[in-house]
Amino acid sequence: MECKFSDGTHETYIEVNLDAQVIPKRASFKYLGSIIQRNWEIDENIAHRIGAGWMKWRLSFGVLCDKNVPPRVKGKFYRVVVRSTMLYGVECCPVKNTHMQKMKVAETRMLRWMCGCTRRDKIKNEAIRDRVGVASVEKKMRESRLRWFGHVKRRSIDALVRRCERLAMASLRRGQGRPKKNWGEVIR
């Protein structure tokens, strides 16, 4: 395998060869179930998680939309099957408000469909959540992120994941506008 990107020059196109075949450049790739993008965003990963949730929804449609099944049982089934699929691996991603909104919209559509309600019925989302017994996806995502953070904080101070606490970004030039929060400010 030959990689021509460590010769000191900064080219815009880096060529990677495996034997005599050139490996094409990709904007994103999937690694351990998560989609990693070149620009370090997670838009594709969130869309993939929502799509996976809808796929599990379609597979369990017979149970979730059956009128003979009580709403609380539907809610338990939803939490175990669909929500766990949507939230897989999201605890260590830097989720933005737009990503959270997309997750909430998808979940609300699924819950309304489970109850047989439409937006035209003018039933509040909280009432539907109470009927099914499901907490907000936003609360569950926050809970899983705090659980993950607890695991990180319990690691030894020399662990690779803990070394980022001691990094100092002195030569970083900030752009215009409101400065972005670092992970320490988010945790506080």
Protein backbone atom coordinates (compact mmCIF):
# COMPACT_ATOMS: atom_id res chain seq x y z
CA MET A 1 0.00 0.00 0.00
CA GLU A 2 1.33 3.42 -0.91
CA CYS A 3 0.06 6.74 0.42
CA LYS A 4 1.46 9.99 -0.97
CA PHE A 5 0.49 12.48 1.71
CA SER A 6 3.49 12.65 4.05
CA ASP A 7 6.10 14.28 1.79
CA GLY A 8 5.66 17.73 3.36
CA THR A 9 3.64 19.31 0.54
CA HIS A 10 0.00 20.14 1.04
CA GLU A 11 -1.84 19.10 -2.09
CA THR A 12 -5.54 19.48 -2.58
CA TYR A 13 -5.82 15.96 -3.98
CA ILE A 14 -4.15 13.06 -2.18
CA GLU A 15 -3.78 9.85 -4.13
CA VAL A 16 -3.94 6.49 -2.32
CA ASN A 17 -2.87 3.38 -4.24
CA LEU A 18 -3.42 -0.24 -3.31
CA ASP A 19 -1.11 -2.26 -5.57
CA ALA A 20 -1.69 -0.54 -8.91
CA GLN A 21 -5.29 0.49 -8.28
CA VAL A 22 -6.14 4.04 -7.23
CA ILE A 23 -8.66 4.17 -4.38
CA PRO A 24 -11.25 6.88 -5.07
CA LYS A 25 -11.71 9.73 -2.62
CA ARG A 26 -14.94 9.69 -0.62
CA ALA A 27 -16.80 12.45 1.18
CA SER A 28 -18.00 10.02 3.87
CA PHE A 29 -17.63 6.42 4.96
CA LYS A 30 -19.23 4.07 7.45
CA TYR A 31 -17.18 2.85 10.41
CA LEU A 32 -18.67 0.67 13.18
CA GLY A 33 -22.21 1.72 12.29
CA SER A 34 -21.49 5.46 12.26
CA ILE A 35 -21.06 7.60 9.16
CA ILE A 36 -17.96 9.78 9.26
CA GLN A 37 -17.93 12.79 6.94
CA ARG A 38 -14.93 14.67 5.57
CA ASN A 39 -16.11 18.00 7.01
CA TRP A 40 -16.54 16.49 10.54
CA GLU A 41 -20.30 17.02 10.50
CA ILE A 42 -22.78 14.33 11.55
CA ASP A 43 -25.73 15.22 9.29
CA GLU A 44 -25.51 11.95 7.35
CA ASN A 45 -25.15 9.95 10.56
CA ILE A 46 -28.29 11.50 12.07
CA ALA A 47 -30.22 10.91 8.83
CA HIS A 48 -28.99 7.30 8.82
CA ARG A 49 -30.10 6.79 12.46
CA ILE A 50 -33.56 8.20 11.69
CA GLY A 51 -33.80 5.97 8.61
CA ALA A 52 -32.79 2.94 10.67
CA GLY A 53 -35.50 3.84 13.19
CA TRP A 54 -38.10 4.01 10.41
CA MET A 55 -36.88 0.67 9.08
CA LYS A 56 -37.42 -0.96 12.50
CA TRP A 57 -40.76 0.82 12.65
CA ARG A 58 -41.83 -0.79 9.36
CA LEU A 59 -40.71 -4.22 10.55
CA SER A 60 -42.78 -3.90 13.74
CA PHE A 61 -45.72 -2.09 12.14
CA GLY A 62 -48.12 -4.96 12.87
CA VAL A 63 -47.65 -4.65 16.64
CA LEU A 64 -47.30 -0.87 16.88
CA CYS A 65 -50.43 -0.04 14.90
CA ASP A 66 -52.69 -2.85 16.10
CA LYS A 67 -55.81 -1.44 17.73
CA ASN A 68 -56.11 -4.47 20.05
CA VAL A 69 -52.72 -3.78 21.69
CA PRO A 70 -52.86 -1.34 24.65
CA PRO A 71 -50.98 1.96 24.15
CA ARG A 72 -48.60 1.32 27.09
CA VAL A 73 -47.50 -2.01 25.58
CA LYS A 74 -46.95 -0.26 22.27
CA GLY A 75 -44.84 2.32 24.10
CA LYS A 76 -42.68 -0.37 25.73
CA PHE A 77 -42.20 -2.09 22.39
CA TYR A 78 -41.34 1.24 20.76
CA ARG A 79 -38.75 2.06 23.43
CA VAL A 80 -37.03 -1.30 23.09
CA VAL A 81 -37.06 -1.70 19.32
CA VAL A 82 -37.31 1.64 17.54
CA ARG A 83 -35.84 4.19 19.94
CA SER A 84 -32.79 2.08 20.79
CA THR A 85 -32.08 1.85 17.06
CA MET A 86 -32.40 5.61 16.61
CA LEU A 87 -30.13 6.43 19.56
CA TYR A 88 -27.41 3.87 18.82
CA GLY A 89 -24.00 5.55 18.96
CA VAL A 90 -25.35 9.10 19.24
CA GLU A 91 -24.12 9.64 22.81
CA CYS A 92 -20.63 10.66 21.74
CA CYS A 93 -21.63 12.84 18.76
CA PRO A 94 -21.75 16.65 18.89
CA VAL A 95 -25.49 16.98 18.27
CA LYS A 96 -26.81 20.35 17.12
CA ASN A 97 -30.28 21.75 17.64
CA THR A 98 -31.21 20.99 14.02
CA HIS A 99 -30.26 17.32 14.53
CA MET A 100 -32.28 17.18 17.73
CA GLN A 101 -35.27 18.72 15.95
CA LYS A 102 -35.12 16.09 13.20
CA MET A 103 -35.05 13.30 15.80
CA LYS A 104 -38.00 14.82 17.67
CA VAL A 105 -40.05 15.21 14.47
CA ALA A 106 -39.44 11.59 13.47
CA GLU A 107 -40.33 10.30 16.92
CA THR A 108 -43.49 12.41 17.13
CA ARG A 109 -44.66 11.15 13.74
CA MET A 110 -44.15 7.56 14.88
CA LEU A 111 -45.98 8.09 18.17
CA ARG A 112 -48.92 9.82 16.47
CA TRP A 113 -49.16 6.97 13.99
CA MET A 114 -49.12 4.44 16.85
CA CYS A 115 -52.05 6.19 18.52
CA GLY A 116 -53.96 6.62 15.27
CA CYS A 117 -53.87 10.42 15.58
CA THR A 118 -53.08 13.04 13.00
CA ARG A 119 -52.06 16.66 13.45
CA ARG A 120 -55.55 17.59 12.30
CA ASP A 121 -56.92 16.08 15.54
CA LYS A 122 -55.08 18.89 17.43
CA ILE A 123 -53.82 16.65 20.22
CA LYS A 124 -50.68 17.94 21.92
CA ASN A 125 -47.47 15.96 21.65
CA GLU A 126 -47.20 15.73 25.44
CA ALA A 127 -50.65 14.15 25.65
CA ILE A 128 -49.65 11.52 23.10
CA ARG A 129 -46.40 10.86 25.00
CA ASP A 130 -48.38 10.40 28.24
CA ARG A 131 -50.84 8.07 26.53
CA VAL A 132 -48.04 5.81 25.27
CA GLY A 133 -45.74 6.31 28.26
CA VAL A 134 -42.68 7.46 26.31
CA ALA A 135 -40.28 10.21 27.36
CA SER A 136 -38.88 12.70 24.86
CA VAL A 137 -36.03 11.58 22.62
CA GLU A 138 -34.21 14.74 23.69
CA LYS A 139 -34.27 13.66 27.35
CA LYS A 140 -33.15 10.14 26.48
CA MET A 141 -30.31 11.43 24.31
CA ARG A 142 -29.15 13.71 27.12
CA GLU A 143 -29.36 10.82 29.58
CA SER A 144 -27.24 8.55 27.37
CA ARG A 145 -24.67 11.32 26.80
CA LEU A 146 -24.35 11.90 30.55
CA ARG A 147 -24.00 8.14 31.09
CA TRP A 148 -21.21 8.06 28.48
CA PHE A 149 -19.56 11.08 30.11
CA GLY A 150 -19.61 9.26 33.45
CA HIS A 151 -17.78 6.33 31.87
CA VAL A 152 -15.18 8.73 30.45
CA LYS A 153 -14.67 10.50 33.79
CA ARG A 154 -14.12 7.18 35.58
CA ARG A 155 -11.19 6.31 33.28
CA SER A 156 -7.66 6.93 34.52
CA ILE A 157 -6.19 10.37 33.88
CA ASP A 158 -3.62 8.86 31.49
CA ALA A 159 -6.24 7.24 29.24
CA LEU A 160 -6.32 8.54 25.68
CA VAL A 161 -9.89 9.77 25.98
CA ARG A 162 -8.99 11.84 29.08
CA ARG A 163 -5.95 13.52 27.53
CA CYS A 164 -8.20 15.92 25.62
CA GLU A 165 -8.98 17.68 28.91
CA ARG A 166 -5.39 18.86 29.10
CA LEU A 167 -5.08 20.05 25.50
CA ALA A 168 -4.49 23.76 25.01
CA MET A 169 -5.47 25.35 21.71
CA ALA A 170 -3.35 28.51 21.90
CA SER A 171 -2.76 29.24 18.21
CA LEU A 172 -6.35 28.78 17.13
CA ARG A 173 -7.76 31.82 15.30
CA ARG A 174 -11.44 32.39 15.90
CA GLY A 175 -13.78 33.55 13.18
CA GLN A 176 -16.47 36.17 13.31
CA GLY A 177 -19.63 35.82 15.30
CA ARG A 178 -20.38 34.04 18.50
CA PRO A 179 -17.51 31.73 19.53
CA LYS A 180 -18.22 28.01 19.52
CA LYS A 181 -18.43 26.27 22.86
CA ASN A 182 -15.76 23.75 23.72
CA TRP A 183 -16.72 20.46 25.35
CA GLY A 184 -15.87 21.72 28.85
CA GLU A 185 -18.34 24.60 28.54
CA VAL A 186 -21.04 22.25 27.30
CA ILE A 187 -20.60 19.93 30.30
CA ARG A 188 -20.80 22.78 32.82
